């Protein structure tokens, strides 16, 4: 039985994030990848030069094509751009009872460009987050969604509880933006307990697409039937390897190495 994963996100012409990062991750983790493109971006390691959103009809037709022939085992959302697109995605997810939904609330690109319209944040919170099996915000995104300042691990725990109360079954607040110089700690709140996934922080500017890749790895493992805890554990190993084995390409914030995990020979168990 081939496991299938669907990514609903924007296209990154530089190949480091978005649809491209998600499909690379699905392939590396031996899951059949499918895509619904919500926007086409012109971007590279130096930043986002332009964003061209799809029409709601274009997104709807892509979703319909998948739903009528290639039912996914898990779904990930990334850059959704507008409230109209979020509404449509939520409608189709609910109609098809797609339960294993990973919502990566992409709002701002690494270089600072806005990837989500301001009015779309409310739609994200009220329409899509209540359908999320796993919500994967970074610290700035968690701050935007909760309206609170996050400085300590205790702050993160409070934010995770608030986000879980908004409807997400599981909340993972990624630690890449924390002020800890030695470690990156991703915090999971499963509605009952907190769990920390820790790795050594590597000093590098080559982190473009880390959030997309991490969430995609979780999605791939959920598609294969893993529990959320095991999916996050594998995703942590995957992204850590992708950051450690640097590609060193581009003049700005370079992409991660999506094949590093496979080449490292690290056990997926």
C-alpha atoms as a PDB file:
ATOM      1  CA  UNK A   1       0.000   0.000   0.000  1.00  0.00           C
ATOM      2  CA  UNK A   2       1.493   3.318  -1.086  1.00  0.00           C
ATOM      3  CA  UNK A   3       1.011   6.150   1.382  1.00  0.00           C
ATOM      4  CA  UNK A   4      -0.020   9.474  -0.173  1.00  0.00           C
ATOM      5  CA  UNK A   5       0.478  13.001   1.128  1.00  0.00           C
ATOM      6  CA  UNK A   6      -0.937  16.256  -0.226  1.00  0.00           C
ATOM      7  CA  UNK A   7       0.618  19.686   0.173  1.00  0.00           C
ATOM      8  CA  UNK A   8      -1.516  22.805  -0.296  1.00  0.00           C
ATOM      9  CA  UNK A   9       0.924  25.692  -0.485  1.00  0.00           C
ATOM     10  CA  UNK A  10       2.784  28.254  -2.567  1.00  0.00           C
ATOM     11  CA  UNK A  11       5.454  27.526  -5.146  1.00  0.00           C
ATOM     12  CA  UNK A  12       9.001  28.665  -4.325  1.00  0.00           C
ATOM     13  CA  UNK A  13      10.976  29.266  -7.514  1.00  0.00           C
ATOM     14  CA  UNK A  14      14.183  28.960  -5.483  1.00  0.00           C
ATOM     15  CA  UNK A  15      13.261  25.402  -4.506  1.00  0.00           C
ATOM     16  CA  UNK A  16      13.989  25.717  -0.788  1.00  0.00           C
ATOM     17  CA  UNK A  17      10.529  26.124   0.709  1.00  0.00           C
ATOM     18  CA  UNK A  18       6.850  25.732  -0.146  1.00  0.00           C
ATOM     19  CA  UNK A  19       5.618  23.114  -2.592  1.00  0.00           C
ATOM     20  CA  UNK A  20       9.134  22.234  -3.698  1.00  0.00           C
ATOM     21  CA  UNK A  21      10.401  21.569  -0.162  1.00  0.00           C
ATOM     22  CA  UNK A  22       7.292  19.574   0.691  1.00  0.00           C
ATOM     23  CA  UNK A  23       7.499  17.299  -2.355  1.00  0.00           C
ATOM     24  CA  UNK A  24      11.232  16.704  -1.825  1.00  0.00           C
ATOM     25  CA  UNK A  25      10.522  15.744   1.780  1.00  0.00           C
ATOM     26  CA  UNK A  26       7.659  13.412   0.848  1.00  0.00           C
ATOM     27  CA  UNK A  27       9.876  11.679  -1.714  1.00  0.00           C
ATOM     28  CA  UNK A  28      12.792  11.287   0.702  1.00  0.00           C
ATOM     29  CA  UNK A  29      10.477   9.713   3.284  1.00  0.00           C
ATOM     30  CA  UNK A  30       9.015   7.343   0.659  1.00  0.00           C
ATOM     31  CA  UNK A  31       5.550   8.839   0.458  1.00  0.00           C
ATOM     32  CA  UNK A  32       3.795   9.675  -2.818  1.00  0.00           C
ATOM     33  CA  UNK A  33       3.476  13.446  -2.981  1.00  0.00           C
ATOM     34  CA  UNK A  34       0.683  15.519  -4.525  1.00  0.00           C
ATOM     35  CA  UNK A  35       0.204  19.278  -4.628  1.00  0.00           C
ATOM     36  CA  UNK A  36      -2.326  22.082  -4.811  1.00  0.00           C
ATOM     37  CA  UNK A  37      -0.640  25.384  -5.622  1.00  0.00           C
ATOM     38  CA  UNK A  38      -2.138  28.452  -3.950  1.00  0.00           C
ATOM     39  CA  UNK A  39       0.326  31.035  -5.273  1.00  0.00           C
ATOM     40  CA  UNK A  40       3.417  31.300  -7.428  1.00  0.00           C
ATOM     41  CA  UNK A  41       6.264  33.248  -5.878  1.00  0.00           C
ATOM     42  CA  UNK A  42       9.359  34.677  -7.510  1.00  0.00           C
ATOM     43  CA  UNK A  43      11.997  34.152  -4.837  1.00  0.00           C
ATOM     44  CA  UNK A  44      15.541  33.033  -4.181  1.00  0.00           C
ATOM     45  CA  UNK A  45      17.886  32.922  -1.195  1.00  0.00           C
ATOM     46  CA  UNK A  46      17.919  36.740  -1.124  1.00  0.00           C
ATOM     47  CA  UNK A  47      14.165  37.070  -0.568  1.00  0.00           C
ATOM     48  CA  UNK A  48      10.721  37.163  -2.167  1.00  0.00           C
ATOM     49  CA  UNK A  49      10.606  39.366  -5.247  1.00  0.00           C
ATOM     50  CA  UNK A  50       6.935  38.848  -6.204  1.00  0.00           C
ATOM     51  CA  UNK A  51       3.805  36.863  -5.283  1.00  0.00           C
ATOM     52  CA  UNK A  52       1.141  35.812  -7.799  1.00  0.00           C
ATOM     53  CA  UNK A  53      -1.841  34.204  -6.045  1.00  0.00           C
ATOM     54  CA  UNK A  54      -4.038  31.609  -7.740  1.00  0.00           C
ATOM     55  CA  UNK A  55      -7.748  32.299  -8.087  1.00  0.00           C
ATOM     56  CA  UNK A  56     -10.084  30.507  -5.685  1.00  0.00           C
ATOM     57  CA  UNK A  57     -11.461  28.616  -8.684  1.00  0.00           C
ATOM     58  CA  UNK A  58      -7.965  27.360  -9.593  1.00  0.00           C
ATOM     59  CA  UNK A  59      -7.392  26.139  -6.042  1.00  0.00           C
ATOM     60  CA  UNK A  60     -10.848  24.565  -5.929  1.00  0.00           C
ATOM     61  CA  UNK A  61     -10.320  22.661  -9.186  1.00  0.00           C
ATOM     62  CA  UNK A  62      -6.963  21.307  -8.022  1.00  0.00           C
ATOM     63  CA  UNK A  63      -8.536  20.125  -4.767  1.00  0.00           C
ATOM     64  CA  UNK A  64     -11.421  18.537  -6.661  1.00  0.00           C
ATOM     65  CA  UNK A  65      -9.014  16.633  -8.909  1.00  0.00           C
ATOM     66  CA  UNK A  66      -7.224  15.177  -5.899  1.00  0.00           C
ATOM     67  CA  UNK A  67     -10.380  14.394  -3.945  1.00  0.00           C
ATOM     68  CA  UNK A  68     -12.047  12.501  -6.778  1.00  0.00           C
ATOM     69  CA  UNK A  69      -9.124  10.216  -7.628  1.00  0.00           C
ATOM     70  CA  UNK A  70      -6.161  10.366  -5.244  1.00  0.00           C
ATOM     71  CA  UNK A  71      -7.460  10.565  -1.689  1.00  0.00           C
ATOM     72  CA  UNK A  72      -4.512  11.578   0.526  1.00  0.00           C
ATOM     73  CA  UNK A  73      -3.613   9.810   3.764  1.00  0.00           C
ATOM     74  CA  UNK A  74      -2.374  13.098   5.247  1.00  0.00           C
ATOM     75  CA  UNK A  75      -2.522  16.749   4.193  1.00  0.00           C
ATOM     76  CA  UNK A  76      -0.298  19.735   4.882  1.00  0.00           C
ATOM     77  CA  UNK A  77      -1.164  23.380   4.345  1.00  0.00           C
ATOM     78  CA  UNK A  78       1.468  26.077   3.980  1.00  0.00           C
ATOM     79  CA  UNK A  79       1.151  29.482   2.363  1.00  0.00           C
ATOM     80  CA  UNK A  80      -2.581  30.045   1.739  1.00  0.00           C
ATOM     81  CA  UNK A  81      -2.364  33.811   1.083  1.00  0.00           C
ATOM     82  CA  UNK A  82      -6.013  34.918   1.406  1.00  0.00           C
ATOM     83  CA  UNK A  83      -9.151  34.349   3.471  1.00  0.00           C
ATOM     84  CA  UNK A  84     -10.991  33.187   0.343  1.00  0.00           C
ATOM     85  CA  UNK A  85      -8.456  30.439  -0.309  1.00  0.00           C
ATOM     86  CA  UNK A  86      -8.475  29.436   3.367  1.00  0.00           C
ATOM     87  CA  UNK A  87     -12.284  29.196   3.292  1.00  0.00           C
ATOM     88  CA  UNK A  88     -12.165  26.945   0.226  1.00  0.00           C
ATOM     89  CA  UNK A  89      -9.458  24.685   1.653  1.00  0.00           C
ATOM     90  CA  UNK A  90     -11.358  24.336   4.940  1.00  0.00           C
ATOM     91  CA  UNK A  91     -14.558  23.536   3.050  1.00  0.00           C
ATOM     92  CA  UNK A  92     -12.926  20.746   1.033  1.00  0.00           C
ATOM     93  CA  UNK A  93     -11.040  19.310   4.017  1.00  0.00           C
ATOM     94  CA  UNK A  94     -14.277  19.119   6.009  1.00  0.00           C
ATOM     95  CA  UNK A  95     -16.338  17.738   3.122  1.00  0.00           C
ATOM     96  CA  UNK A  96     -13.852  14.931   2.491  1.00  0.00           C
ATOM     97  CA  UNK A  97     -13.268  14.249   6.210  1.00  0.00           C
ATOM     98  CA  UNK A  98      -9.509  14.621   5.791  1.00  0.00           C
ATOM     99  CA  UNK A  99      -8.564  14.077   9.419  1.00  0.00           C
ATOM    100  CA  UNK A 100      -4.760  14.053   9.364  1.00  0.00           C
ATOM    101  CA  UNK A 101      -4.366  17.731   8.569  1.00  0.00           C
ATOM    102  CA  UNK A 102      -1.077  19.468   9.402  1.00  0.00           C
ATOM    103  CA  UNK A 103      -1.509  23.249   9.386  1.00  0.00           C
ATOM    104  CA  UNK A 104       1.746  25.193   9.043  1.00  0.00           C
ATOM    105  CA  UNK A 105       0.518  28.793   9.472  1.00  0.00           C
ATOM    106  CA  UNK A 106       2.949  30.425   7.048  1.00  0.00           C
ATOM    107  CA  UNK A 107       2.732  34.188   7.506  1.00  0.00           C
ATOM    108  CA  UNK A 108       6.132  35.748   6.875  1.00  0.00           C
ATOM    109  CA  UNK A 109       9.039  34.645   4.692  1.00  0.00           C
ATOM    110  CA  UNK A 110      12.576  34.380   6.119  1.00  0.00           C
ATOM    111  CA  UNK A 111      13.444  37.713   4.494  1.00  0.00           C
ATOM    112  CA  UNK A 112      10.441  39.458   6.053  1.00  0.00           C
ATOM    113  CA  UNK A 113       7.981  39.470   3.124  1.00  0.00           C
ATOM    114  CA  UNK A 114       4.343  38.980   4.130  1.00  0.00           C
ATOM    115  CA  UNK A 115       2.884  35.727   2.783  1.00  0.00           C
ATOM    116  CA  UNK A 116      -0.562  35.989   4.365  1.00  0.00           C
ATOM    117  CA  UNK A 117      -2.986  38.883   4.032  1.00  0.00           C
ATOM    118  CA  UNK A 118      -3.803  40.514   7.352  1.00  0.00           C
ATOM    119  CA  UNK A 119      -7.524  39.779   7.106  1.00  0.00           C
ATOM    120  CA  UNK A 120      -6.731  36.119   6.391  1.00  0.00           C
ATOM    121  CA  UNK A 121      -5.383  35.544   9.901  1.00  0.00           C
ATOM    122  CA  UNK A 122      -8.912  35.499  11.323  1.00  0.00           C
ATOM    123  CA  UNK A 123     -10.005  32.949   8.709  1.00  0.00           C
ATOM    124  CA  UNK A 124      -7.005  30.819   9.601  1.00  0.00           C
ATOM    125  CA  UNK A 125      -7.950  30.909  13.281  1.00  0.00           C
ATOM    126  CA  UNK A 126     -11.680  30.297  12.867  1.00  0.00           C
ATOM    127  CA  UNK A 127     -11.931  28.081   9.777  1.00  0.00           C
ATOM    128  CA  UNK A 128      -8.758  26.018   9.423  1.00  0.00           C
ATOM    129  CA  UNK A 129      -7.209  25.679  12.879  1.00  0.00           C
ATOM    130  CA  UNK A 130     -10.285  23.888  14.277  1.00  0.00           C
ATOM    131  CA  UNK A 131      -9.713  21.211  11.614  1.00  0.00           C
ATOM    132  CA  UNK A 132      -5.999  20.784  12.357  1.00  0.00           C
ATOM    133  CA  UNK A 133      -4.682  17.502  13.699  1.00  0.00           C
ATOM    134  CA  UNK A 134      -1.294  19.174  14.104  1.00  0.00           C
ATOM    135  CA  UNK A 135      -0.588  22.923  14.148  1.00  0.00           C
ATOM    136  CA  UNK A 136       3.086  23.881  13.617  1.00  0.00           C
ATOM    137  CA  UNK A 137       3.706  27.616  14.199  1.00  0.00           C
ATOM    138  CA  UNK A 138       7.121  29.091  14.848  1.00  0.00           C
ATOM    139  CA  UNK A 139       7.405  31.530  17.754  1.00  0.00           C
ATOM    140  CA  UNK A 140       6.513  34.731  15.778  1.00  0.00           C
ATOM    141  CA  UNK A 141       3.517  32.938  14.223  1.00  0.00           C
ATOM    142  CA  UNK A 142       2.388  31.694  17.635  1.00  0.00           C
ATOM    143  CA  UNK A 143       2.641  35.267  18.923  1.00  0.00           C
ATOM    144  CA  UNK A 144       0.526  36.558  16.014  1.00  0.00           C
ATOM    145  CA  UNK A 145      -2.115  33.871  16.536  1.00  0.00           C
ATOM    146  CA  UNK A 146      -2.379  34.286  20.315  1.00  0.00           C
ATOM    147  CA  UNK A 147      -1.660  38.003  20.666  1.00  0.00           C
ATOM    148  CA  UNK A 148       0.905  37.340  23.373  1.00  0.00           C
ATOM    149  CA  UNK A 149       4.667  37.830  23.668  1.00  0.00           C
ATOM    150  CA  UNK A 150       6.668  34.594  23.873  1.00  0.00           C
ATOM    151  CA  UNK A 151      10.071  34.815  25.550  1.00  0.00           C
ATOM    152  CA  UNK A 152      10.366  31.791  27.823  1.00  0.00           C
ATOM    153  CA  UNK A 153       9.467  28.097  27.654  1.00  0.00           C
ATOM    154  CA  UNK A 154       6.663  28.813  30.091  1.00  0.00           C
ATOM    155  CA  UNK A 155       5.317  31.422  27.649  1.00  0.00           C
ATOM    156  CA  UNK A 156       5.423  28.801  24.924  1.00  0.00           C
ATOM    157  CA  UNK A 157       3.434  26.389  27.051  1.00  0.00           C
ATOM    158  CA  UNK A 158       0.761  29.002  27.693  1.00  0.00           C
ATOM    159  CA  UNK A 159       0.621  29.824  23.965  1.00  0.00           C
ATOM    160  CA  UNK A 160       0.369  26.137  23.066  1.00  0.00           C
ATOM    161  CA  UNK A 161      -2.575  25.720  25.430  1.00  0.00           C
ATOM    162  CA  UNK A 162      -4.281  28.763  23.905  1.00  0.00           C
ATOM    163  CA  UNK A 163      -3.759  27.446  20.372  1.00  0.00           C
ATOM    164  CA  UNK A 164      -5.030  24.008  21.331  1.00  0.00           C
ATOM    165  CA  UNK A 165      -8.128  25.657  22.803  1.00  0.00           C
ATOM    166  CA  UNK A 166      -8.772  27.195  19.364  1.00  0.00           C
ATOM    167  CA  UNK A 167      -9.372  23.707  18.012  1.00  0.00           C
ATOM    168  CA  UNK A 168      -6.074  22.112  16.986  1.00  0.00           C
ATOM    169  CA  UNK A 169      -5.713  18.601  18.393  1.00  0.00           C
ATOM    170  CA  UNK A 170      -1.931  18.859  18.735  1.00  0.00           C
ATOM    171  CA  UNK A 171       0.239  21.995  18.769  1.00  0.00           C
ATOM    172  CA  UNK A 172       3.972  22.053  18.014  1.00  0.00           C
ATOM    173  CA  UNK A 173       5.639  25.414  18.616  1.00  0.00           C
ATOM    174  CA  UNK A 174       8.928  25.287  16.732  1.00  0.00           C
ATOM    175  CA  UNK A 175      11.983  26.592  18.533  1.00  0.00           C
ATOM    176  CA  UNK A 176      14.119  27.945  15.713  1.00  0.00           C
ATOM    177  CA  UNK A 177      13.376  31.563  16.669  1.00  0.00           C
ATOM    178  CA  UNK A 178      14.140  31.134  20.370  1.00  0.00           C
ATOM    179  CA  UNK A 179      17.027  32.965  22.032  1.00  0.00           C
ATOM    180  CA  UNK A 180      18.677  29.720  23.195  1.00  0.00           C
ATOM    181  CA  UNK A 181      22.121  29.750  21.577  1.00  0.00           C
ATOM    182  CA  UNK A 182      22.866  26.084  22.243  1.00  0.00           C
ATOM    183  CA  UNK A 183      19.686  24.155  21.505  1.00  0.00           C
ATOM    184  CA  UNK A 184      16.559  24.178  19.357  1.00  0.00           C
ATOM    185  CA  UNK A 185      13.609  22.830  21.320  1.00  0.00           C
ATOM    186  CA  UNK A 186      10.337  22.078  19.562  1.00  0.00           C
ATOM    187  CA  UNK A 187       7.486  21.928  22.062  1.00  0.00           C
ATOM    188  CA  UNK A 188       4.514  19.602  21.552  1.00  0.00           C
ATOM    189  CA  UNK A 189       1.284  19.964  23.502  1.00  0.00           C
ATOM    190  CA  UNK A 190      -1.058  17.048  22.862  1.00  0.00           C
ATOM    191  CA  UNK A 191      -3.908  18.340  24.982  1.00  0.00           C
ATOM    192  CA  UNK A 192      -2.752  16.447  28.048  1.00  0.00           C
ATOM    193  CA  UNK A 193       1.025  16.728  28.302  1.00  0.00           C
ATOM    194  CA  UNK A 194       3.981  18.725  27.014  1.00  0.00           C
ATOM    195  CA  UNK A 195       6.821  17.012  25.184  1.00  0.00           C
ATOM    196  CA  UNK A 196      10.158  18.560  24.195  1.00  0.00           C
ATOM    197  CA  UNK A 197      12.173  17.567  21.115  1.00  0.00           C
ATOM    198  CA  UNK A 198      15.691  18.931  21.468  1.00  0.00           C
ATOM    199  CA  UNK A 199      18.600  19.259  19.027  1.00  0.00           C
ATOM    200  CA  UNK A 200      21.917  21.103  19.005  1.00  0.00           C
ATOM    201  CA  UNK A 201      21.663  24.530  17.364  1.00  0.00           C
ATOM    202  CA  UNK A 202      24.027  24.840  14.407  1.00  0.00           C
ATOM    203  CA  UNK A 203      25.257  28.376  13.623  1.00  0.00           C
ATOM    204  CA  UNK A 204      24.218  28.822   9.985  1.00  0.00           C
ATOM    205  CA  UNK A 205      22.325  31.136   7.684  1.00  0.00           C
ATOM    206  CA  UNK A 206      21.194  28.192   5.535  1.00  0.00           C
ATOM    207  CA  UNK A 207      17.765  27.656   7.070  1.00  0.00           C
ATOM    208  CA  UNK A 208      15.415  28.648   4.253  1.00  0.00           C
ATOM    209  CA  UNK A 209      12.461  26.258   4.227  1.00  0.00           C
ATOM    210  CA  UNK A 210      13.083  24.658   7.614  1.00  0.00           C
ATOM    211  CA  UNK A 211       9.505  25.215   8.800  1.00  0.00           C
ATOM    212  CA  UNK A 212       7.986  23.838   5.601  1.00  0.00           C
ATOM    213  CA  UNK A 213      10.302  20.850   5.627  1.00  0.00           C
ATOM    214  CA  UNK A 214       9.681  19.993   9.281  1.00  0.00           C
ATOM    215  CA  UNK A 215       5.890  20.136   8.838  1.00  0.00           C
ATOM    216  CA  UNK A 216       6.118  18.131   5.603  1.00  0.00           C
ATOM    217  CA  UNK A 217       8.112  15.424   7.368  1.00  0.00           C
ATOM    218  CA  UNK A 218       5.428  15.210  10.062  1.00  0.00           C
ATOM    219  CA  UNK A 219       2.801  14.922   7.326  1.00  0.00           C
ATOM    220  CA  UNK A 220       4.696  12.151   5.530  1.00  0.00           C
ATOM    221  CA  UNK A 221       5.043  10.094   8.699  1.00  0.00           C
ATOM    222  CA  UNK A 222       1.371  10.587   9.623  1.00  0.00           C
ATOM    223  CA  UNK A 223       0.459   9.401   6.125  1.00  0.00           C
ATOM    224  CA  UNK A 224       2.367   6.193   6.853  1.00  0.00           C
ATOM    225  CA  UNK A 225       0.337   5.640   9.998  1.00  0.00           C
ATOM    226  CA  UNK A 226       2.755   6.839  12.683  1.00  0.00           C
ATOM    227  CA  UNK A 227       1.500   8.459  15.868  1.00  0.00           C
ATOM    228  CA  UNK A 228       1.936  12.213  16.184  1.00  0.00           C
ATOM    229  CA  UNK A 229       4.743  11.742  18.704  1.00  0.00           C
ATOM    230  CA  UNK A 230       6.670   9.367  16.445  1.00  0.00           C
ATOM    231  CA  UNK A 231       6.012  11.561  13.396  1.00  0.00           C
ATOM    232  CA  UNK A 232       7.517  14.574  15.165  1.00  0.00           C
ATOM    233  CA  UNK A 233      10.470  12.502  16.371  1.00  0.00           C
ATOM    234  CA  UNK A 234      11.294  11.457  12.794  1.00  0.00           C
ATOM    235  CA  UNK A 235      10.698  14.988  11.499  1.00  0.00           C
ATOM    236  CA  UNK A 236      13.139  16.329  14.092  1.00  0.00           C
ATOM    237  CA  UNK A 237      15.826  13.898  12.891  1.00  0.00           C
ATOM    238  CA  UNK A 238      15.056  14.790   9.267  1.00  0.00           C
ATOM    239  CA  UNK A 239      15.314  18.563   9.671  1.00  0.00           C
ATOM    240  CA  UNK A 240      18.369  18.341  11.928  1.00  0.00           C
ATOM    241  CA  UNK A 241      20.222  16.374   9.250  1.00  0.00           C
ATOM    242  CA  UNK A 242      19.013  18.793   6.566  1.00  0.00           C
ATOM    243  CA  UNK A 243      20.489  21.726   8.490  1.00  0.00           C
ATOM    244  CA  UNK A 244      23.707  19.967   9.546  1.00  0.00           C
ATOM    245  CA  UNK A 245      24.739  18.870   6.032  1.00  0.00           C
ATOM    246  CA  UNK A 246      24.737  22.279   4.367  1.00  0.00           C
ATOM    247  CA  UNK A 247      24.467  22.782   0.609  1.00  0.00           C
ATOM    248  CA  UNK A 248      26.059  26.245   0.653  1.00  0.00           C
ATOM    249  CA  UNK A 249      24.201  27.552  -2.400  1.00  0.00           C
ATOM    250  CA  UNK A 250      22.861  31.035  -3.072  1.00  0.00           C
ATOM    251  CA  UNK A 251      24.103  34.402  -1.839  1.00  0.00           C
ATOM    252  CA  UNK A 252      21.524  34.778   0.942  1.00  0.00           C
ATOM    253  CA  UNK A 253      19.709  32.447   3.325  1.00  0.00           C
ATOM    254  CA  UNK A 254      20.367  29.142   1.642  1.00  0.00           C
ATOM    255  CA  UNK A 255      18.076  26.104   1.565  1.00  0.00           C
ATOM    256  CA  UNK A 256      18.390  22.985   3.688  1.00  0.00           C
ATOM    257  CA  UNK A 257      19.675  19.672   2.336  1.00  0.00           C
ATOM    258  CA  UNK A 258      16.650  17.443   1.787  1.00  0.00           C
ATOM    259  CA  UNK A 259      18.650  14.306   0.997  1.00  0.00           C
ATOM    260  CA  UNK A 260      20.935  14.543   4.045  1.00  0.00           C
ATOM    261  CA  UNK A 261      18.738  12.332   6.243  1.00  0.00           C
ATOM    262  CA  UNK A 262      18.775   9.481   3.737  1.00  0.00           C
ATOM    263  CA  UNK A 263      22.504   9.811   3.078  1.00  0.00           C
ATOM    264  CA  UNK A 264      23.328   9.935   6.799  1.00  0.00           C
ATOM    265  CA  UNK A 265      22.017   6.441   7.353  1.00  0.00           C
ATOM    266  CA  UNK A 266      20.292   7.514  10.584  1.00  0.00           C
ATOM    267  CA  UNK A 267      17.608   5.034  11.572  1.00  0.00           C
ATOM    268  CA  UNK A 268      14.027   6.184  11.056  1.00  0.00           C
ATOM    269  CA  UNK A 269      12.930   4.046  14.005  1.00  0.00           C
END
